[in-house]
Amino acid sequence: MDLNLVGKRVTQVRLATKHEMKKCGWEGLIPPTVFVLDGGYVFLPSKDGALNAPGQTVVMDALSGEISALTRGR
C-alpha cells in the first residue's frame, strides 16, 4: 500500500459504515467519524493500535493551540 498522503484531499467526512466497523471488529459499537481521501483511503480513529475500540478524533489549531474534538452528529 502506497501511503504517500501529501497532496491528497479530503472528499468526505462521515460516520464509519457497517462494513468498516465489521472489518475492525467493532460491530455493535458507536461508529467514529472518518475522513475519506481521494485515492480511496479512509482514516478510522482507533482507541489504540490493537483496534480495541473506535476512537475520538482530536484537532489542534497549529497557531493558537486550541483543541477541538470531532463528534458525531445527533
PDB file of N, CA and C in Angstrom:
ATOM      1  N   MET A   1       0.846  -1.168   0.000  1.00  0.00           N
ATOM      2  CA  MET A   1       0.000   0.000   0.000  1.00  0.00           C
ATOM      3  C   MET A   1       0.896   1.237   0.000  1.00  0.00           C
ATOM      4  N   ASP A   2       0.655   2.143  -0.919  1.00  0.00           N
ATOM      5  CA  ASP A   2       1.404   3.394  -1.008  1.00  0.00           C
ATOM      6  C   ASP A   2       0.749   4.419  -0.090  1.00  0.00           C
ATOM      7  N   LEU A   3       1.422   4.780   1.005  1.00  0.00           N
ATOM      8  CA  LEU A   3       0.844   5.717   1.959  1.00  0.00           C
ATOM      9  C   LEU A   3       1.398   7.131   1.814  1.00  0.00           C
ATOM     10  N   ASN A   4       1.754   7.524   0.602  1.00  0.00           N
ATOM     11  CA  ASN A   4       2.163   8.904   0.365  1.00  0.00           C
ATOM     12  C   ASN A   4       0.894   9.748   0.333  1.00  0.00           C
ATOM     13  N   LEU A   5       0.595  10.411   1.437  1.00  0.00           N
ATOM     14  CA  LEU A   5      -0.660  11.144   1.567  1.00  0.00           C
ATOM     15  C   LEU A   5      -0.522  12.636   1.301  1.00  0.00           C
ATOM     16  N   VAL A   6       0.695  13.103   1.046  1.00  0.00           N
ATOM     17  CA  VAL A   6       0.918  14.524   0.783  1.00  0.00           C
ATOM     18  C   VAL A   6       0.162  14.912  -0.486  1.00  0.00           C
ATOM     19  N   GLY A   7      -0.614  15.971  -0.378  1.00  0.00           N
ATOM     20  CA  GLY A   7      -1.369  16.469  -1.529  1.00  0.00           C
ATOM     21  C   GLY A   7      -2.725  15.820  -1.719  1.00  0.00           C
ATOM     22  N   LYS A   8      -3.044  14.796  -0.932  1.00  0.00           N
ATOM     23  CA  LYS A   8      -4.372  14.178  -1.030  1.00  0.00           C
ATOM     24  C   LYS A   8      -5.402  15.134  -0.460  1.00  0.00           C
ATOM     25  N   ARG A   9      -6.637  14.993  -0.920  1.00  0.00           N
ATOM     26  CA  ARG A   9      -7.726  15.856  -0.458  1.00  0.00           C
ATOM     27  C   ARG A   9      -8.774  15.033   0.285  1.00  0.00           C
ATOM     28  N   VAL A  10      -9.353  15.642   1.298  1.00  0.00           N
ATOM     29  CA  VAL A  10     -10.473  15.033   1.995  1.00  0.00           C
ATOM     30  C   VAL A  10     -11.700  15.201   1.101  1.00  0.00           C
ATOM     31  N   THR A  11     -12.347  14.086   0.761  1.00  0.00           N
ATOM     32  CA  THR A  11     -13.522  14.147  -0.105  1.00  0.00           C
ATOM     33  C   THR A  11     -14.822  13.940   0.658  1.00  0.00           C
ATOM     34  N   GLN A  12     -14.731  13.335   1.857  1.00  0.00           N
ATOM     35  CA  GLN A  12     -15.919  13.120   2.695  1.00  0.00           C
ATOM     36  C   GLN A  12     -15.508  13.111   4.159  1.00  0.00           C
ATOM     37  N   VAL A  13     -16.415  13.559   5.017  1.00  0.00           N
ATOM     38  CA  VAL A  13     -16.318  13.369   6.462  1.00  0.00           C
ATOM     39  C   VAL A  13     -17.654  12.766   6.851  1.00  0.00           C
ATOM     40  N   ARG A  14     -17.615  11.554   7.413  1.00  0.00           N
ATOM     41  CA  ARG A  14     -18.853  10.817   7.679  1.00  0.00           C
ATOM     42  C   ARG A  14     -18.617   9.820   8.805  1.00  0.00           C
ATOM     43  N   LEU A  15     -19.677   9.139   9.201  1.00  0.00           N
ATOM     44  CA  LEU A  15     -19.546   8.057  10.171  1.00  0.00           C
ATOM     45  C   LEU A  15     -19.057   6.795   9.464  1.00  0.00           C
ATOM     46  N   ALA A  16     -18.334   5.957  10.181  1.00  0.00           N
ATOM     47  CA  ALA A  16     -17.876   4.682   9.624  1.00  0.00           C
ATOM     48  C   ALA A  16     -19.087   3.843   9.221  1.00  0.00           C
ATOM     49  N   THR A  17     -18.942   3.118   8.126  1.00  0.00           N
ATOM     50  CA  THR A  17     -20.017   2.251   7.645  1.00  0.00           C
ATOM     51  C   THR A  17     -20.043   0.940   8.432  1.00  0.00           C
ATOM     52  N   LYS A  18     -21.129   0.180   8.288  1.00  0.00           N
ATOM     53  CA  LYS A  18     -21.221  -1.136   8.943  1.00  0.00           C
ATOM     54  C   LYS A  18     -20.088  -2.037   8.475  1.00  0.00           C
ATOM     55  N   HIS A  19     -19.748  -1.981   7.192  1.00  0.00           N
ATOM     56  CA  HIS A  19     -18.661  -2.799   6.651  1.00  0.00           C
ATOM     57  C   HIS A  19     -17.324  -2.433   7.296  1.00  0.00           C
ATOM     58  N   GLU A  20     -17.038  -1.140   7.399  1.00  0.00           N
ATOM     59  CA  GLU A  20     -15.788  -0.691   8.028  1.00  0.00           C
ATOM     60  C   GLU A  20     -15.732  -1.101   9.495  1.00  0.00           C
ATOM     61  N   MET A  21     -16.865  -0.965  10.186  1.00  0.00           N
ATOM     62  CA  MET A  21     -16.929  -1.365  11.593  1.00  0.00           C
ATOM     63  C   MET A  21     -16.667  -2.861  11.744  1.00  0.00           C
ATOM     64  N   LYS A  22     -17.251  -3.663  10.847  1.00  0.00           N
ATOM     65  CA  LYS A  22     -17.054  -5.121  10.901  1.00  0.00           C
ATOM     66  C   LYS A  22     -15.594  -5.479  10.641  1.00  0.00           C
ATOM     67  N   LYS A  23     -14.964  -4.838   9.651  1.00  0.00           N
ATOM     68  CA  LYS A  23     -13.555  -5.126   9.327  1.00  0.00           C
ATOM     69  C   LYS A  23     -12.635  -4.837  10.515  1.00  0.00           C
ATOM     70  N   CYS A  24     -13.005  -3.854  11.347  1.00  0.00           N
ATOM     71  CA  CYS A  24     -12.194  -3.504  12.518  1.00  0.00           C
ATOM     72  C   CYS A  24     -12.577  -4.300  13.763  1.00  0.00           C
ATOM     73  N   GLY A  25     -13.636  -5.103  13.677  1.00  0.00           N
ATOM     74  CA  GLY A  25     -14.099  -5.859  14.835  1.00  0.00           C
ATOM     75  C   GLY A  25     -14.897  -5.010  15.814  1.00  0.00           C
ATOM     76  N   TRP A  26     -15.527  -3.953  15.315  1.00  0.00           N
ATOM     77  CA  TRP A  26     -16.236  -3.005  16.167  1.00  0.00           C
ATOM     78  C   TRP A  26     -17.754  -3.105  16.029  1.00  0.00           C
ATOM     79  N   GLU A  27     -18.269  -4.228  15.591  1.00  0.00           N
ATOM     80  CA  GLU A  27     -19.713  -4.371  15.411  1.00  0.00           C
ATOM     81  C   GLU A  27     -20.437  -4.092  16.726  1.00  0.00           C
ATOM     82  N   GLY A  28     -21.535  -3.340  16.646  1.00  0.00           N
ATOM     83  CA  GLY A  28     -22.334  -3.040  17.820  1.00  0.00           C
ATOM     84  C   GLY A  28     -21.859  -1.839  18.616  1.00  0.00           C
ATOM     85  N   LEU A  29     -20.734  -1.233  18.228  1.00  0.00           N
ATOM     86  CA  LEU A  29     -20.222  -0.057  18.926  1.00  0.00           C
ATOM     87  C   LEU A  29     -20.612   1.208  18.164  1.00  0.00           C
ATOM     88  N   ILE A  30     -20.479   2.346  18.801  1.00  0.00           N
ATOM     89  CA  ILE A  30     -20.798   3.627  18.159  1.00  0.00           C
ATOM     90  C   ILE A  30     -19.733   3.929  17.116  1.00  0.00           C
ATOM     91  N   PRO A  31     -20.131   4.153  15.859  1.00  0.00           N
ATOM     92  CA  PRO A  31     -19.136   4.403  14.805  1.00  0.00           C
ATOM     93  C   PRO A  31     -18.433   5.741  14.981  1.00  0.00           C
ATOM     94  N   PRO A  32     -17.126   5.761  14.705  1.00  0.00           N
ATOM     95  CA  PRO A  32     -16.391   7.017  14.781  1.00  0.00           C
ATOM     96  C   PRO A  32     -16.577   7.841  13.506  1.00  0.00           C
ATOM     97  N   THR A  33     -16.225   9.115  13.587  1.00  0.00           N
ATOM     98  CA  THR A  33     -16.169   9.974  12.406  1.00  0.00           C
ATOM     99  C   THR A  33     -14.931   9.587  11.614  1.00  0.00           C
ATOM    100  N   VAL A  34     -15.084   9.388  10.304  1.00  0.00           N
ATOM    101  CA  VAL A  34     -13.962   9.024   9.451  1.00  0.00           C
ATOM    102  C   VAL A  34     -13.750  10.089   8.381  1.00  0.00           C
ATOM    103  N   PHE A  35     -12.524  10.123   7.875  1.00  0.00           N
ATOM    104  CA  PHE A  35     -12.162  11.020   6.776  1.00  0.00           C
ATOM    105  C   PHE A  35     -11.840  10.160   5.572  1.00  0.00           C
ATOM    106  N   VAL A  36     -12.456  10.459   4.433  1.00  0.00           N
ATOM    107  CA  VAL A  36     -12.194   9.753   3.191  1.00  0.00           C
ATOM    108  C   VAL A  36     -11.358  10.669   2.310  1.00  0.00           C
ATOM    109  N   LEU A  37     -10.231  10.146   1.802  1.00  0.00           N
ATOM    110  CA  LEU A  37      -9.359  10.923   0.924  1.00  0.00           C
ATOM    111  C   LEU A  37      -9.527  10.470  -0.515  1.00  0.00           C
ATOM    112  N   ASP A  38      -9.189  11.360  -1.452  1.00  0.00           N
ATOM    113  CA  ASP A  38      -9.168  10.929  -2.836  1.00  0.00           C
ATOM    114  C   ASP A  38      -8.128   9.811  -2.937  1.00  0.00           C
ATOM    115  N   GLY A  39      -8.358   8.876  -3.804  1.00  0.00           N
ATOM    116  CA  GLY A  39      -7.487   7.716  -3.889  1.00  0.00           C
ATOM    117  C   GLY A  39      -8.012   6.554  -3.061  1.00  0.00           C
ATOM    118  N   GLY A  40      -9.095   6.773  -2.297  1.00  0.00           N
ATOM    119  CA  GLY A  40      -9.761   5.684  -1.607  1.00  0.00           C
ATOM    120  C   GLY A  40      -9.333   5.397  -0.180  1.00  0.00           C
ATOM    121  N   TYR A  41      -8.462   6.199   0.402  1.00  0.00           N
ATOM    122  CA  TYR A  41      -8.062   5.966   1.788  1.00  0.00           C
ATOM    123  C   TYR A  41      -9.138   6.453   2.748  1.00  0.00           C
ATOM    124  N   VAL A  42      -9.351   5.703   3.836  1.00  0.00           N
ATOM    125  CA  VAL A  42     -10.288   6.085   4.885  1.00  0.00           C
ATOM    126  C   VAL A  42      -9.521   6.109   6.207  1.00  0.00           C
ATOM    127  N   PHE A  43      -9.550   7.236   6.908  1.00  0.00           N
ATOM    128  CA  PHE A  43      -8.938   7.329   8.229  1.00  0.00           C
ATOM    129  C   PHE A  43      -9.984   6.945   9.261  1.00  0.00           C
ATOM    130  N   LEU A  44      -9.714   5.866  10.008  1.00  0.00           N
ATOM    131  CA  LEU A  44     -10.607   5.381  11.056  1.00  0.00           C
ATOM    132  C   LEU A  44      -9.902   5.538  12.398  1.00  0.00           C
ATOM    133  N   PRO A  45     -10.314   6.498  13.230  1.00  0.00           N
ATOM    134  CA  PRO A  45      -9.660   6.654  14.524  1.00  0.00           C
ATOM    135  C   PRO A  45      -9.941   5.458  15.431  1.00  0.00           C
ATOM    136  N   SER A  46      -8.898   4.989  16.104  1.00  0.00           N
ATOM    137  CA  SER A  46      -8.994   3.836  16.992  1.00  0.00           C
ATOM    138  C   SER A  46      -8.530   4.212  18.392  1.00  0.00           C
ATOM    139  N   LYS A  47      -9.118   3.557  19.376  1.00  0.00           N
ATOM    140  CA  LYS A  47      -8.738   3.763  20.776  1.00  0.00           C
ATOM    141  C   LYS A  47      -7.261   3.497  20.990  1.00  0.00           C
ATOM    142  N   ASP A  48      -6.736   2.484  20.279  1.00  0.00           N
ATOM    143  CA  ASP A  48      -5.329   2.110  20.418  1.00  0.00           C
ATOM    144  C   ASP A  48      -4.882   1.361  19.176  1.00  0.00           C
ATOM    145  N   GLY A  49      -3.618   1.018  19.123  1.00  0.00           N
ATOM    146  CA  GLY A  49      -3.056   0.345  17.963  1.00  0.00           C
ATOM    147  C   GLY A  49      -3.542  -1.079  17.756  1.00  0.00           C
ATOM    148  N   ALA A  50      -4.164  -1.656  18.769  1.00  0.00           N
ATOM    149  CA  ALA A  50      -4.687  -3.020  18.657  1.00  0.00           C
ATOM    150  C   ALA A  50      -6.142  -3.040  18.184  1.00  0.00           C
ATOM    151  N   LEU A  51      -6.676  -1.876  17.833  1.00  0.00           N
ATOM    152  CA  LEU A  51      -8.065  -1.727  17.369  1.00  0.00           C
ATOM    153  C   LEU A  51      -9.077  -2.260  18.383  1.00  0.00           C
ATOM    154  N   ASN A  52      -8.843  -1.986  19.678  1.00  0.00           N
ATOM    155  CA  ASN A  52      -9.753  -2.474  20.715  1.00  0.00           C
ATOM    156  C   ASN A  52     -11.112  -1.793  20.710  1.00  0.00           C
ATOM    157  N   ALA A  53     -11.213  -0.597  20.143  1.00  0.00           N
ATOM    158  CA  ALA A  53     -12.483   0.128  20.065  1.00  0.00           C
ATOM    159  C   ALA A  53     -12.289   1.349  19.173  1.00  0.00           C
ATOM    160  N   PRO A  54     -13.411   1.896  18.650  1.00  0.00           N
ATOM    161  CA  PRO A  54     -13.301   3.129  17.891  1.00  0.00           C
ATOM    162  C   PRO A  54     -12.749   4.238  18.779  1.00  0.00           C
ATOM    163  N   GLY A  55     -12.152   5.246  18.153  1.00  0.00           N
ATOM    164  CA  GLY A  55     -11.568   6.345  18.908  1.00  0.00           C
ATOM    165  C   GLY A  55     -12.163   7.690  18.563  1.00  0.00           C
ATOM    166  N   GLN A  56     -11.678   8.698  19.232  1.00  0.00           N
ATOM    167  CA  GLN A  56     -12.109  10.084  19.046  1.00  0.00           C
ATOM    168  C   GLN A  56     -11.045  10.828  18.252  1.00  0.00           C
ATOM    169  N   THR A  57     -11.460  11.629  17.288  1.00  0.00           N
ATOM    170  CA  THR A  57     -10.524  12.454  16.541  1.00  0.00           C
ATOM    171  C   THR A  57     -10.407  13.812  17.219  1.00  0.00           C
ATOM    172  N   VAL A  58      -9.192  14.199  17.516  1.00  0.00           N
ATOM    173  CA  VAL A  58      -8.928  15.493  18.139  1.00  0.00           C
ATOM    174  C   VAL A  58      -8.167  16.350  17.131  1.00  0.00           C
ATOM    175  N   VAL A  59      -8.588  17.609  17.004  1.00  0.00           N
ATOM    176  CA  VAL A  59      -7.976  18.523  16.049  1.00  0.00           C
ATOM    177  C   VAL A  59      -7.387  19.704  16.814  1.00  0.00           C
ATOM    178  N   MET A  60      -6.130  20.045  16.514  1.00  0.00           N
ATOM    179  CA  MET A  60      -5.483  21.188  17.162  1.00  0.00           C
ATOM    180  C   MET A  60      -5.160  22.252  16.130  1.00  0.00           C
ATOM    181  N   ASP A  61      -5.490  23.497  16.447  1.00  0.00           N
ATOM    182  CA  ASP A  61      -5.092  24.629  15.625  1.00  0.00           C
ATOM    183  C   ASP A  61      -3.603  24.861  15.876  1.00  0.00           C
ATOM    184  N   ALA A  62      -2.786  24.721  14.846  1.00  0.00           N
ATOM    185  CA  ALA A  62      -1.332  24.795  14.992  1.00  0.00           C
ATOM    186  C   ALA A  62      -0.866  26.169  15.471  1.00  0.00           C
ATOM    187  N   LEU A  63      -1.599  27.224  15.155  1.00  0.00           N
ATOM    188  CA  LEU A  63      -1.187  28.571  15.554  1.00  0.00           C
ATOM    189  C   LEU A  63      -1.590  28.910  16.982  1.00  0.00           C
ATOM    190  N   SER A  64      -2.848  28.627  17.331  1.00  0.00           N
ATOM    191  CA  SER A  64      -3.345  29.026  18.649  1.00  0.00           C
ATOM    192  C   SER A  64      -3.192  27.933  19.702  1.00  0.00           C
ATOM    193  N   GLY A  65      -3.068  26.680  19.258  1.00  0.00           N
ATOM    194  CA  GLY A  65      -3.006  25.564  20.195  1.00  0.00           C
ATOM    195  C   GLY A  65      -4.380  25.145  20.695  1.00  0.00           C
ATOM    196  N   GLU A  66      -5.454  25.767  20.177  1.00  0.00           N
ATOM    197  CA  GLU A  66      -6.806  25.407  20.585  1.00  0.00           C
ATOM    198  C   GLU A  66      -7.130  23.995  20.116  1.00  0.00           C
ATOM    199  N   ILE A  67      -7.749  23.226  21.001  1.00  0.00           N
ATOM    200  CA  ILE A  67      -8.077  21.834  20.690  1.00  0.00           C
ATOM    201  C   ILE A  67      -9.587  21.677  20.581  1.00  0.00           C
ATOM    202  N   SER A  68     -10.020  20.953  19.559  1.00  0.00           N
ATOM    203  CA  SER A  68     -11.426  20.620  19.351  1.00  0.00           C
ATOM    204  C   SER A  68     -11.533  19.127  19.130  1.00  0.00           C
ATOM    205  N   ALA A  69     -12.692  18.577  19.376  1.00  0.00           N
ATOM    206  CA  ALA A  69     -12.938  17.162  19.129  1.00  0.00           C
ATOM    207  C   ALA A  69     -14.069  17.041  18.125  1.00  0.00           C
ATOM    208  N   LEU A  70     -13.872  16.190  17.130  1.00  0.00           N
ATOM    209  CA  LEU A  70     -14.950  15.913  16.188  1.00  0.00           C
ATOM    210  C   LEU A  70     -15.876  14.894  16.830  1.00  0.00           C
ATOM    211  N   THR A  71     -17.136  15.217  16.882  1.00  0.00           N
ATOM    212  CA  THR A  71     -18.102  14.283  17.446  1.00  0.00           C
ATOM    213  C   THR A  71     -19.174  14.003  16.415  1.00  0.00           C
ATOM    214  N   ARG A  72     -19.767  12.870  16.524  1.00  0.00           N
ATOM    215  CA  ARG A  72     -20.809  12.514  15.565  1.00  0.00           C
ATOM    216  C   ARG A  72     -22.053  13.357  15.791  1.00  0.00           C
ATOM    217  N   GLY A  73     -22.751  13.667  14.708  1.00  0.00           N
ATOM    218  CA  GLY A  73     -23.976  14.456  14.801  1.00  0.00           C
ATOM    219  C   GLY A  73     -25.098  13.677  15.462  1.00  0.00           C
ATOM    220  N   ARG A  74     -25.963  14.345  16.121  1.00  0.00           N
ATOM    221  CA  ARG A  74     -27.099  13.679  16.781  1.00  0.00           C
ATOM    222  C   ARG A  74     -28.378  14.120  16.130  1.00  0.00           C
TER     223      ARG A  74
END
